[in-house]
């Protein structure tokens, strides 16, 4: 399935759902807007101790018309479905459920290549011990694009890469999300326990 986006597509919207905490690095996404088309905006969902800092950064960069802060949203899926892209900027994760949730609603993803989860979820055929270094270029996986943690320039390039229409998906994103269903995971655990 070839997912195309035109650079002339008006009103491109990036979604971001996470707690506002220094580890989540939402400021990187705000800074990356300076390198994106003027018709590209970001919708943030979540609360946290770094929210006010991010709002100040938006003001400092003059991006008030391009960034929306919705706070905690009871049903983020209804908003995510309307976004053109989902971005995760974390420097560390456990299992980033929000990536699986984004896949489940069929939203393309750009994610930091942090420990742990994004590479396993978005690029399962790659070397799972690899983590992109800060000075390396973004990588295109089967189900999304990975960029080095904290590298705003590569984040911008990865987003533009998608909006330029360069993403080829081997199957619908929703199908990849099914690999993480409760039934499938329970079956895998059961097989592991039986083999011990």
N, C-alpha and C. Protein backbone atom coordinates (compact mmCIF):
# COMPACT_ATOMS: atom_id res chain seq x y z
N UNK A 1 0.85 -1.19 0.00
CA UNK A 1 0.00 0.00 0.00
C UNK A 1 0.88 1.24 0.00
N UNK A 2 0.74 2.05 -0.96
CA UNK A 2 1.56 3.26 -1.07
C UNK A 2 0.81 4.44 -0.48
N UNK A 3 1.36 5.02 0.57
CA UNK A 3 0.72 6.16 1.26
C UNK A 3 1.36 7.42 0.73
N UNK A 4 0.60 8.20 -0.03
CA UNK A 4 1.15 9.42 -0.65
C UNK A 4 0.64 10.66 0.06
N UNK A 5 1.49 11.65 0.17
CA UNK A 5 1.12 12.97 0.68
C UNK A 5 1.73 13.99 -0.25
N UNK A 6 0.98 14.96 -0.63
CA UNK A 6 1.48 16.01 -1.51
C UNK A 6 1.99 17.18 -0.69
N UNK A 7 3.08 17.78 -1.13
CA UNK A 7 3.61 18.97 -0.45
C UNK A 7 2.61 20.12 -0.54
N UNK A 8 1.71 20.04 -1.53
CA UNK A 8 0.72 21.10 -1.65
C UNK A 8 -0.53 20.81 -0.82
N UNK A 9 -0.55 19.66 -0.14
CA UNK A 9 -1.70 19.30 0.70
C UNK A 9 -1.85 20.34 1.81
N UNK A 10 -2.96 21.06 1.83
CA UNK A 10 -3.10 22.15 2.81
C UNK A 10 -3.37 21.63 4.20
N UNK A 11 -2.88 22.35 5.18
CA UNK A 11 -3.22 22.08 6.57
C UNK A 11 -2.77 20.75 7.09
N UNK A 12 -1.51 20.40 6.91
CA UNK A 12 -0.98 19.15 7.45
C UNK A 12 -0.93 19.25 8.97
N UNK A 13 -1.42 18.21 9.65
CA UNK A 13 -1.50 18.22 11.12
C UNK A 13 -0.72 17.04 11.69
N UNK A 14 0.16 17.36 12.63
CA UNK A 14 0.94 16.36 13.35
C UNK A 14 0.32 16.20 14.74
N UNK A 15 0.08 14.97 15.15
CA UNK A 15 -0.45 14.69 16.48
C UNK A 15 0.66 14.22 17.41
N UNK A 16 0.53 14.59 18.68
CA UNK A 16 1.49 14.14 19.70
C UNK A 16 0.73 13.94 21.01
N UNK A 17 0.75 12.72 21.53
CA UNK A 17 0.06 12.40 22.78
C UNK A 17 1.09 11.89 23.78
N UNK A 18 1.29 12.64 24.87
CA UNK A 18 2.19 12.17 25.93
C UNK A 18 2.17 13.13 27.10
N UNK A 19 2.67 12.65 28.22
CA UNK A 19 2.81 13.49 29.40
C UNK A 19 3.92 14.50 29.13
N UNK A 20 3.70 15.75 29.55
CA UNK A 20 4.73 16.78 29.36
C UNK A 20 5.77 16.64 30.46
N UNK A 21 6.87 15.97 30.10
CA UNK A 21 7.96 15.68 31.02
C UNK A 21 9.25 15.82 30.21
N UNK A 22 10.34 16.21 30.87
CA UNK A 22 11.60 16.45 30.13
C UNK A 22 12.02 15.24 29.31
N UNK A 23 11.71 14.03 29.79
CA UNK A 23 12.08 12.80 29.08
C UNK A 23 11.32 12.64 27.76
N UNK A 24 10.17 13.30 27.65
CA UNK A 24 9.34 13.17 26.45
C UNK A 24 9.77 14.12 25.33
N UNK A 25 10.50 15.18 25.66
CA UNK A 25 11.16 16.06 24.69
C UNK A 25 10.20 16.69 23.66
N UNK A 26 9.01 17.10 24.07
CA UNK A 26 8.08 17.73 23.14
C UNK A 26 8.66 19.01 22.54
N UNK A 27 9.60 19.66 23.24
CA UNK A 27 10.22 20.88 22.71
C UNK A 27 10.91 20.62 21.38
N UNK A 28 11.41 19.40 21.17
CA UNK A 28 12.06 19.07 19.89
C UNK A 28 11.08 19.20 18.73
N UNK A 29 9.85 18.75 18.94
CA UNK A 29 8.84 18.84 17.89
C UNK A 29 8.46 20.30 17.62
N UNK A 30 8.37 21.08 18.70
CA UNK A 30 8.07 22.51 18.53
C UNK A 30 9.17 23.19 17.72
N UNK A 31 10.41 22.92 18.06
CA UNK A 31 11.55 23.52 17.34
C UNK A 31 11.58 23.08 15.88
N UNK A 32 11.16 21.84 15.61
CA UNK A 32 11.21 21.33 14.23
C UNK A 32 10.24 22.06 13.32
N UNK A 33 9.20 22.67 13.88
CA UNK A 33 8.23 23.40 13.05
C UNK A 33 8.89 24.49 12.22
N UNK A 34 9.98 25.07 12.73
CA UNK A 34 10.69 26.11 11.99
C UNK A 34 11.22 25.59 10.65
N UNK A 35 11.41 24.28 10.53
CA UNK A 35 11.95 23.68 9.31
C UNK A 35 10.86 23.06 8.43
N UNK A 36 9.59 23.23 8.82
CA UNK A 36 8.49 22.62 8.09
C UNK A 36 7.66 23.69 7.39
N UNK A 37 6.86 23.26 6.42
CA UNK A 37 5.98 24.19 5.70
C UNK A 37 5.13 24.99 6.67
N UNK A 38 4.80 26.21 6.31
CA UNK A 38 4.01 27.08 7.18
C UNK A 38 2.60 26.56 7.40
N UNK A 39 2.13 25.66 6.52
CA UNK A 39 0.78 25.12 6.70
C UNK A 39 0.77 23.88 7.59
N UNK A 40 1.92 23.53 8.18
CA UNK A 40 2.01 22.37 9.07
C UNK A 40 1.85 22.82 10.51
N UNK A 41 0.98 22.13 11.24
CA UNK A 41 0.76 22.45 12.64
C UNK A 41 0.85 21.21 13.52
N UNK A 42 0.87 21.44 14.83
CA UNK A 42 0.96 20.34 15.79
C UNK A 42 -0.18 20.45 16.80
N UNK A 43 -0.78 19.31 17.10
CA UNK A 43 -1.80 19.22 18.15
C UNK A 43 -1.21 18.36 19.26
N UNK A 44 -0.99 18.96 20.43
CA UNK A 44 -0.47 18.24 21.60
C UNK A 44 -1.62 17.85 22.51
N UNK A 45 -1.59 16.60 22.98
CA UNK A 45 -2.55 16.13 23.97
C UNK A 45 -1.77 15.62 25.17
N UNK A 46 -2.11 16.12 26.36
CA UNK A 46 -1.43 15.70 27.58
C UNK A 46 -1.19 16.87 28.51
N UNK A 47 -0.82 16.54 29.74
CA UNK A 47 -0.50 17.51 30.78
C UNK A 47 0.85 17.14 31.37
N UNK A 48 1.39 17.99 32.23
CA UNK A 48 2.64 17.65 32.91
C UNK A 48 3.45 18.87 33.26
N UNK A 49 4.53 18.64 33.99
CA UNK A 49 5.32 19.73 34.54
C UNK A 49 6.05 20.57 33.50
N UNK A 50 6.24 20.05 32.29
CA UNK A 50 6.94 20.82 31.25
C UNK A 50 5.98 21.53 30.29
N UNK A 51 4.69 21.46 30.56
CA UNK A 51 3.72 22.07 29.65
C UNK A 51 3.91 23.57 29.52
N UNK A 52 4.08 24.26 30.63
CA UNK A 52 4.24 25.72 30.58
C UNK A 52 5.51 26.12 29.85
N UNK A 53 6.60 25.35 30.02
CA UNK A 53 7.84 25.62 29.29
C UNK A 53 7.62 25.50 27.79
N UNK A 54 6.85 24.50 27.38
CA UNK A 54 6.58 24.30 25.96
C UNK A 54 5.71 25.43 25.42
N UNK A 55 4.75 25.88 26.21
CA UNK A 55 3.91 27.00 25.77
C UNK A 55 4.75 28.27 25.61
N UNK A 56 5.69 28.48 26.51
CA UNK A 56 6.59 29.64 26.40
C UNK A 56 7.46 29.54 25.16
N UNK A 57 7.95 28.35 24.87
CA UNK A 57 8.77 28.14 23.67
C UNK A 57 7.97 28.45 22.41
N UNK A 58 6.73 28.04 22.37
CA UNK A 58 5.87 28.34 21.23
C UNK A 58 5.75 29.85 21.04
N UNK A 59 5.57 30.57 22.14
CA UNK A 59 5.47 32.04 22.07
C UNK A 59 6.78 32.65 21.60
N UNK A 60 7.91 32.18 22.16
CA UNK A 60 9.23 32.71 21.78
C UNK A 60 9.50 32.54 20.29
N UNK A 61 9.05 31.41 19.73
CA UNK A 61 9.30 31.12 18.32
C UNK A 61 8.20 31.67 17.40
N UNK A 62 7.19 32.30 17.99
CA UNK A 62 6.11 32.88 17.19
C UNK A 62 5.25 31.84 16.49
N UNK A 63 5.02 30.71 17.15
CA UNK A 63 4.29 29.61 16.52
C UNK A 63 2.88 29.42 17.06
N UNK A 64 2.34 30.45 17.70
CA UNK A 64 1.03 30.32 18.35
C UNK A 64 -0.07 29.86 17.39
N UNK A 65 0.02 30.26 16.12
CA UNK A 65 -1.01 29.89 15.15
C UNK A 65 -0.83 28.47 14.62
N UNK A 66 0.30 27.85 14.95
CA UNK A 66 0.60 26.53 14.40
C UNK A 66 0.61 25.42 15.45
N UNK A 67 0.43 25.77 16.72
CA UNK A 67 0.48 24.77 17.80
C UNK A 67 -0.76 24.90 18.67
N UNK A 68 -1.38 23.75 18.95
CA UNK A 68 -2.56 23.71 19.81
C UNK A 68 -2.28 22.76 20.97
N UNK A 69 -2.57 23.21 22.18
CA UNK A 69 -2.45 22.37 23.37
C UNK A 69 -3.86 22.03 23.86
N UNK A 70 -4.23 20.75 23.81
CA UNK A 70 -5.57 20.35 24.19
C UNK A 70 -5.66 19.83 25.63
N UNK A 71 -4.53 19.66 26.31
CA UNK A 71 -4.56 19.08 27.65
C UNK A 71 -4.90 17.61 27.58
N UNK A 72 -5.38 17.06 28.70
CA UNK A 72 -5.78 15.66 28.70
C UNK A 72 -7.08 15.49 27.91
N UNK A 73 -7.08 14.52 27.05
CA UNK A 73 -8.22 14.26 26.18
C UNK A 73 -8.75 12.86 26.50
N UNK A 74 -10.04 12.78 26.76
CA UNK A 74 -10.63 11.49 27.15
C UNK A 74 -10.51 10.45 26.04
N UNK A 75 -10.74 10.88 24.80
CA UNK A 75 -10.65 9.96 23.68
C UNK A 75 -9.73 10.55 22.61
N UNK A 76 -8.40 10.33 22.75
CA UNK A 76 -7.48 10.91 21.76
C UNK A 76 -7.62 10.30 20.37
N UNK A 77 -8.22 9.11 20.27
CA UNK A 77 -8.32 8.43 18.98
C UNK A 77 -9.12 9.24 17.97
N UNK A 78 -10.18 9.88 18.43
CA UNK A 78 -11.01 10.67 17.51
C UNK A 78 -10.22 11.82 16.93
N UNK A 79 -9.26 12.35 17.69
CA UNK A 79 -8.41 13.45 17.21
C UNK A 79 -7.28 12.89 16.35
N UNK A 80 -6.68 11.80 16.80
CA UNK A 80 -5.57 11.20 16.04
C UNK A 80 -6.00 10.80 14.63
N UNK A 81 -7.22 10.32 14.49
CA UNK A 81 -7.72 9.90 13.17
C UNK A 81 -7.72 11.06 12.17
N UNK A 82 -7.78 12.27 12.68
CA UNK A 82 -7.82 13.45 11.81
C UNK A 82 -6.42 13.99 11.49
N UNK A 83 -5.41 13.44 12.15
CA UNK A 83 -4.03 13.90 11.93
C UNK A 83 -3.42 13.22 10.72
N UNK A 84 -2.46 13.88 10.11
CA UNK A 84 -1.74 13.32 8.96
C UNK A 84 -0.56 12.47 9.38
N UNK A 85 -0.08 12.69 10.61
CA UNK A 85 1.15 12.04 11.08
C UNK A 85 1.17 12.07 12.60
N UNK A 86 1.75 11.03 13.19
CA UNK A 86 1.98 11.02 14.64
C UNK A 86 3.48 11.08 14.89
N UNK A 87 3.90 11.88 15.87
CA UNK A 87 5.32 12.00 16.20
C UNK A 87 5.55 11.69 17.68
N UNK A 88 6.53 10.83 17.95
CA UNK A 88 6.98 10.52 19.31
C UNK A 88 8.42 11.02 19.43
N UNK A 89 8.70 11.84 20.44
CA UNK A 89 10.02 12.48 20.56
C UNK A 89 10.80 12.02 21.80
N UNK A 90 10.36 10.99 22.48
CA UNK A 90 10.93 10.58 23.77
C UNK A 90 12.41 10.21 23.70
N UNK A 91 13.09 10.41 24.84
CA UNK A 91 14.47 9.93 24.95
C UNK A 91 14.53 8.55 25.59
N UNK A 92 13.43 8.07 26.15
CA UNK A 92 13.34 6.72 26.70
C UNK A 92 11.88 6.33 26.82
N UNK A 93 11.61 5.05 26.63
CA UNK A 93 10.27 4.51 26.77
C UNK A 93 10.38 3.11 27.34
N UNK A 94 9.27 2.59 27.83
CA UNK A 94 9.19 1.19 28.21
C UNK A 94 8.62 0.46 27.00
N UNK A 95 7.30 0.42 26.94
CA UNK A 95 6.59 -0.02 25.74
C UNK A 95 5.69 1.15 25.36
N UNK A 96 6.03 1.88 24.30
CA UNK A 96 5.24 3.05 23.93
C UNK A 96 3.90 2.67 23.31
N UNK A 97 2.91 2.46 24.19
CA UNK A 97 1.57 2.07 23.73
C UNK A 97 1.02 3.04 22.70
N UNK A 98 1.38 4.30 22.81
CA UNK A 98 0.83 5.30 21.89
C UNK A 98 1.23 5.00 20.44
N UNK A 99 2.37 4.35 20.22
CA UNK A 99 2.74 3.95 18.85
C UNK A 99 1.80 2.86 18.34
N UNK A 100 1.49 1.89 19.20
CA UNK A 100 0.58 0.82 18.81
C UNK A 100 -0.81 1.39 18.57
N UNK A 101 -1.22 2.32 19.42
CA UNK A 101 -2.53 2.95 19.27
C UNK A 101 -2.61 3.75 17.97
N UNK A 102 -1.51 4.42 17.62
CA UNK A 102 -1.48 5.17 16.36
C UNK A 102 -1.55 4.23 15.16
N UNK A 103 -0.83 3.11 15.24
CA UNK A 103 -0.93 2.11 14.18
C UNK A 103 -2.37 1.61 14.05
N UNK A 104 -3.02 1.40 15.19
CA UNK A 104 -4.37 0.84 15.20
C UNK A 104 -5.38 1.74 14.50
N UNK A 105 -5.14 3.06 14.54
CA UNK A 105 -6.05 3.96 13.84
C UNK A 105 -5.50 4.36 12.46
N UNK A 106 -4.39 3.75 12.07
CA UNK A 106 -3.88 3.92 10.71
C UNK A 106 -3.11 5.19 10.45
N UNK A 107 -2.47 5.75 11.49
CA UNK A 107 -1.73 7.00 11.31
C UNK A 107 -0.25 6.70 11.11
N UNK A 108 0.37 7.22 10.06
CA UNK A 108 1.81 7.07 9.87
C UNK A 108 2.58 7.69 11.04
N UNK A 109 3.79 7.19 11.28
CA UNK A 109 4.54 7.56 12.49
C UNK A 109 5.97 7.95 12.16
N UNK A 110 6.43 9.01 12.83
CA UNK A 110 7.85 9.34 12.95
C UNK A 110 8.16 9.27 14.43
N UNK A 111 9.21 8.53 14.79
CA UNK A 111 9.53 8.35 16.21
C UNK A 111 11.03 8.45 16.45
N UNK A 112 11.37 8.92 17.64
CA UNK A 112 12.76 8.86 18.07
C UNK A 112 13.15 7.39 18.20
N UNK A 113 14.41 7.10 17.95
CA UNK A 113 14.92 5.73 18.07
C UNK A 113 15.46 5.52 19.48
N UNK A 114 14.57 5.63 20.45
CA UNK A 114 14.99 5.53 21.85
C UNK A 114 14.84 4.10 22.35
N UNK A 115 15.48 3.83 23.48
CA UNK A 115 15.22 2.60 24.20
C UNK A 115 13.95 2.81 25.01
N UNK A 116 13.07 1.91 24.99
CA UNK A 116 12.94 0.76 24.10
C UNK A 116 11.56 0.78 23.50
N UNK A 117 11.39 0.08 22.41
CA UNK A 117 10.08 -0.04 21.80
C UNK A 117 9.92 0.49 20.39
N UNK A 118 10.30 1.74 20.11
CA UNK A 118 10.04 2.24 18.75
C UNK A 118 10.64 1.40 17.63
N UNK A 119 11.90 1.01 17.76
CA UNK A 119 12.53 0.20 16.70
C UNK A 119 11.84 -1.16 16.59
N UNK A 120 11.54 -1.76 17.73
CA UNK A 120 10.90 -3.08 17.72
C UNK A 120 9.53 -3.02 17.05
N UNK A 121 8.80 -1.94 17.29
CA UNK A 121 7.45 -1.80 16.76
C UNK A 121 7.45 -1.38 15.29
N UNK A 122 8.28 -0.39 14.96
CA UNK A 122 8.23 0.23 13.63
C UNK A 122 9.18 -0.38 12.60
N UNK A 123 10.24 -1.05 13.08
CA UNK A 123 11.26 -1.55 12.15
C UNK A 123 11.71 -2.94 12.61
N UNK A 124 10.77 -3.91 12.66
CA UNK A 124 11.09 -5.22 13.22
C UNK A 124 12.15 -6.01 12.47
N UNK A 125 12.37 -5.72 11.19
CA UNK A 125 13.37 -6.47 10.42
C UNK A 125 14.79 -5.95 10.64
N UNK A 126 14.95 -4.84 11.37
CA UNK A 126 16.28 -4.26 11.56
C UNK A 126 17.02 -4.92 12.72
N UNK A 127 18.28 -4.57 12.87
CA UNK A 127 19.09 -5.02 14.00
C UNK A 127 18.52 -4.39 15.27
N UNK A 128 17.95 -5.21 16.13
CA UNK A 128 17.25 -4.70 17.32
C UNK A 128 18.21 -4.19 18.40
N UNK A 129 19.50 -4.39 18.22
CA UNK A 129 20.46 -3.84 19.17
C UNK A 129 20.93 -2.45 18.76
N UNK A 130 20.54 -2.02 17.58
CA UNK A 130 20.99 -0.73 17.06
C UNK A 130 20.17 0.41 17.65
N UNK A 131 20.83 1.52 17.93
CA UNK A 131 20.16 2.77 18.29
C UNK A 131 20.87 3.86 17.49
N UNK A 132 20.11 4.68 16.80
CA UNK A 132 20.71 5.75 16.00
C UNK A 132 21.46 6.73 16.90
N UNK A 133 22.71 7.04 16.51
CA UNK A 133 23.48 8.06 17.23
C UNK A 133 23.02 9.44 16.79
N UNK A 134 23.28 10.44 17.62
CA UNK A 134 22.78 11.80 17.39
C UNK A 134 23.15 12.32 16.01
N UNK A 135 24.34 11.98 15.51
CA UNK A 135 24.80 12.54 14.23
C UNK A 135 24.45 11.66 13.02
N UNK A 136 23.64 10.63 13.23
CA UNK A 136 23.24 9.77 12.12
C UNK A 136 21.94 10.26 11.49
N UNK A 137 21.69 9.80 10.27
CA UNK A 137 20.48 10.18 9.54
C UNK A 137 19.29 9.32 9.98
N UNK A 138 18.09 9.82 9.70
CA UNK A 138 16.90 9.05 10.02
C UNK A 138 16.87 7.76 9.20
N UNK A 139 16.12 6.78 9.69
CA UNK A 139 15.97 5.49 9.01
C UNK A 139 14.49 5.23 8.73
N UNK A 140 14.24 4.63 7.59
CA UNK A 140 12.87 4.28 7.22
C UNK A 140 12.66 2.80 7.49
N UNK A 141 11.73 2.49 8.38
CA UNK A 141 11.39 1.11 8.70
C UNK A 141 10.13 0.68 7.97
N UNK A 142 9.71 -0.54 8.23
CA UNK A 142 8.51 -1.05 7.56
C UNK A 142 7.25 -0.27 7.95
N UNK A 143 7.20 0.19 9.19
CA UNK A 143 5.95 0.78 9.70
C UNK A 143 6.11 2.21 10.19
N UNK A 144 7.23 2.83 9.92
CA UNK A 144 7.43 4.21 10.35
C UNK A 144 8.87 4.63 10.17
N UNK A 145 9.14 5.88 10.52
CA UNK A 145 10.46 6.46 10.35
C UNK A 145 11.07 6.72 11.73
N UNK A 146 12.34 6.35 11.90
CA UNK A 146 13.07 6.56 13.15
C UNK A 146 14.13 7.63 12.95
N UNK A 147 14.29 8.50 13.96
CA UNK A 147 15.33 9.51 13.90
C UNK A 147 16.10 9.50 15.22
N UNK A 148 17.34 10.03 15.24
CA UNK A 148 18.13 10.02 16.48
C UNK A 148 17.52 10.92 17.55
N UNK A 149 17.46 10.43 18.76
CA UNK A 149 16.91 11.20 19.89
C UNK A 149 17.57 12.57 19.96
N UNK A 150 16.75 13.62 20.05
CA UNK A 150 17.24 14.97 20.26
C UNK A 150 17.72 15.70 19.03
N UNK A 151 17.78 15.03 17.88
CA UNK A 151 18.27 15.66 16.67
C UNK A 151 17.10 16.32 15.91
N UNK A 152 16.89 17.60 16.18
CA UNK A 152 15.74 18.33 15.62
C UNK A 152 15.82 18.40 14.10
N UNK A 153 17.02 18.55 13.56
CA UNK A 153 17.18 18.62 12.11
C UNK A 153 16.73 17.33 11.44
N UNK A 154 17.15 16.18 12.00
CA UNK A 154 16.75 14.89 11.43
C UNK A 154 15.26 14.62 11.65
N UNK A 155 14.72 15.10 12.76
CA UNK A 155 13.28 15.00 12.99
C UNK A 155 12.54 15.74 11.88
N UNK A 156 12.98 16.97 11.60
CA UNK A 156 12.35 17.76 10.52
C UNK A 156 12.46 17.06 9.18
N UNK A 157 13.64 16.52 8.89
CA UNK A 157 13.83 15.81 7.62
C UNK A 157 12.93 14.59 7.53
N UNK A 158 12.79 13.87 8.64
CA UNK A 158 11.94 12.67 8.66
C UNK A 158 10.49 13.03 8.40
N UNK A 159 10.02 14.11 9.02
CA UNK A 159 8.64 14.56 8.80
C UNK A 159 8.45 14.99 7.35
N UNK A 160 9.39 15.76 6.83
CA UNK A 160 9.30 16.20 5.43
C UNK A 160 9.38 15.02 4.47
N UNK A 161 10.18 14.01 4.83
CA UNK A 161 10.29 12.81 4.01
C UNK A 161 8.91 12.19 3.83
N UNK A 162 8.16 12.10 4.91
CA UNK A 162 6.81 11.55 4.82
C UNK A 162 5.90 12.47 4.02
N UNK A 163 5.91 13.76 4.33
CA UNK A 163 5.01 14.68 3.64
C UNK A 163 5.36 14.84 2.16
N UNK A 164 6.57 14.48 1.78
CA UNK A 164 6.95 14.50 0.36
C UNK A 164 6.43 13.27 -0.38
N UNK A 165 5.76 12.37 0.33
CA UNK A 165 5.14 11.20 -0.31
C UNK A 165 6.05 10.01 -0.49
N UNK A 166 7.05 9.86 0.36
CA UNK A 166 8.05 8.81 0.17
C UNK A 166 7.82 7.52 0.95
N UNK A 167 6.72 7.42 1.68
CA UNK A 167 6.52 6.24 2.51
C UNK A 167 5.82 5.13 1.74
N UNK A 168 6.43 3.93 1.77
CA UNK A 168 5.77 2.75 1.22
C UNK A 168 5.51 1.80 2.37
N UNK A 169 4.25 1.40 2.54
CA UNK A 169 3.89 0.50 3.64
C UNK A 169 3.63 -0.89 3.08
N UNK A 170 4.24 -1.94 3.69
CA UNK A 170 4.06 -3.30 3.16
C UNK A 170 2.65 -3.84 3.41
N UNK A 171 1.96 -3.28 4.38
CA UNK A 171 0.61 -3.71 4.72
C UNK A 171 -0.04 -2.58 5.51
N UNK A 172 -1.36 -2.62 5.68
CA UNK A 172 -1.99 -1.56 6.47
C UNK A 172 -1.41 -1.48 7.88
N UNK A 173 -1.27 -0.27 8.38
CA UNK A 173 -0.72 -0.07 9.72
C UNK A 173 -1.57 -0.78 10.77
N UNK A 174 -2.88 -0.83 10.55
CA UNK A 174 -3.77 -1.48 11.50
C UNK A 174 -3.40 -2.96 11.69
N UNK A 175 -2.93 -3.59 10.62
CA UNK A 175 -2.55 -5.00 10.71
C UNK A 175 -1.34 -5.18 11.62
N UNK A 176 -0.38 -4.25 11.55
CA UNK A 176 0.80 -4.32 12.44
C UNK A 176 0.36 -4.18 13.89
N UNK A 177 -0.60 -3.33 14.18
CA UNK A 177 -1.08 -3.14 15.55
C UNK A 177 -1.64 -4.44 16.12
N UNK A 178 -2.22 -5.28 15.27
CA UNK A 178 -2.79 -6.55 15.74
C UNK A 178 -1.73 -7.49 16.29
N UNK A 179 -0.47 -7.30 15.89
CA UNK A 179 0.62 -8.12 16.43
C UNK A 179 0.79 -7.92 17.93
N UNK A 180 0.22 -6.83 18.46
CA UNK A 180 0.36 -6.52 19.88
C UNK A 180 -0.96 -6.68 20.64
N UNK A 181 -1.89 -7.42 20.04
CA UNK A 181 -3.18 -7.64 20.71
C UNK A 181 -2.98 -8.52 21.94
N UNK A 182 -3.89 -8.40 22.89
CA UNK A 182 -3.81 -9.18 24.13
C UNK A 182 -3.77 -10.67 23.83
N UNK A 183 -4.64 -11.13 22.93
CA UNK A 183 -4.70 -12.57 22.61
C UNK A 183 -3.38 -13.07 22.05
N UNK A 184 -2.80 -12.29 21.15
CA UNK A 184 -1.55 -12.71 20.51
C UNK A 184 -0.39 -12.72 21.52
N UNK A 185 -0.32 -11.69 22.36
CA UNK A 185 0.75 -11.62 23.36
C UNK A 185 0.61 -12.73 24.38
N UNK A 186 -0.61 -13.00 24.84
CA UNK A 186 -0.84 -14.09 25.81
C UNK A 186 -0.43 -15.43 25.23
N UNK A 187 -0.73 -15.64 23.96
CA UNK A 187 -0.34 -16.89 23.30
C UNK A 187 1.18 -17.02 23.26
N UNK A 188 1.88 -15.92 22.95
CA UNK A 188 3.34 -15.95 22.90
C UNK A 188 3.92 -16.26 24.28
N UNK A 189 3.39 -15.61 25.33
CA UNK A 189 3.86 -15.89 26.70
C UNK A 189 3.63 -17.35 27.05
N UNK A 190 2.47 -17.87 26.69
CA UNK A 190 2.14 -19.26 26.99
C UNK A 190 3.12 -20.22 26.32
N UNK A 191 3.47 -19.94 25.08
CA UNK A 191 4.43 -20.79 24.35
C UNK A 191 5.81 -20.72 24.99
N UNK A 192 6.22 -19.53 25.43
CA UNK A 192 7.52 -19.38 26.09
C UNK A 192 7.56 -20.18 27.39
N UNK A 193 6.50 -20.06 28.18
CA UNK A 193 6.44 -20.76 29.47
C UNK A 193 6.41 -22.27 29.30
N UNK A 194 5.74 -22.74 28.24
CA UNK A 194 5.66 -24.17 27.99
C UNK A 194 7.00 -24.73 27.54
N UNK A 195 7.82 -23.91 26.91
CA UNK A 195 9.13 -24.36 26.41
C UNK A 195 10.21 -24.33 27.48
N UNK A 196 9.94 -23.71 28.64
CA UNK A 196 10.95 -23.65 29.72
C UNK A 196 11.02 -24.93 30.51
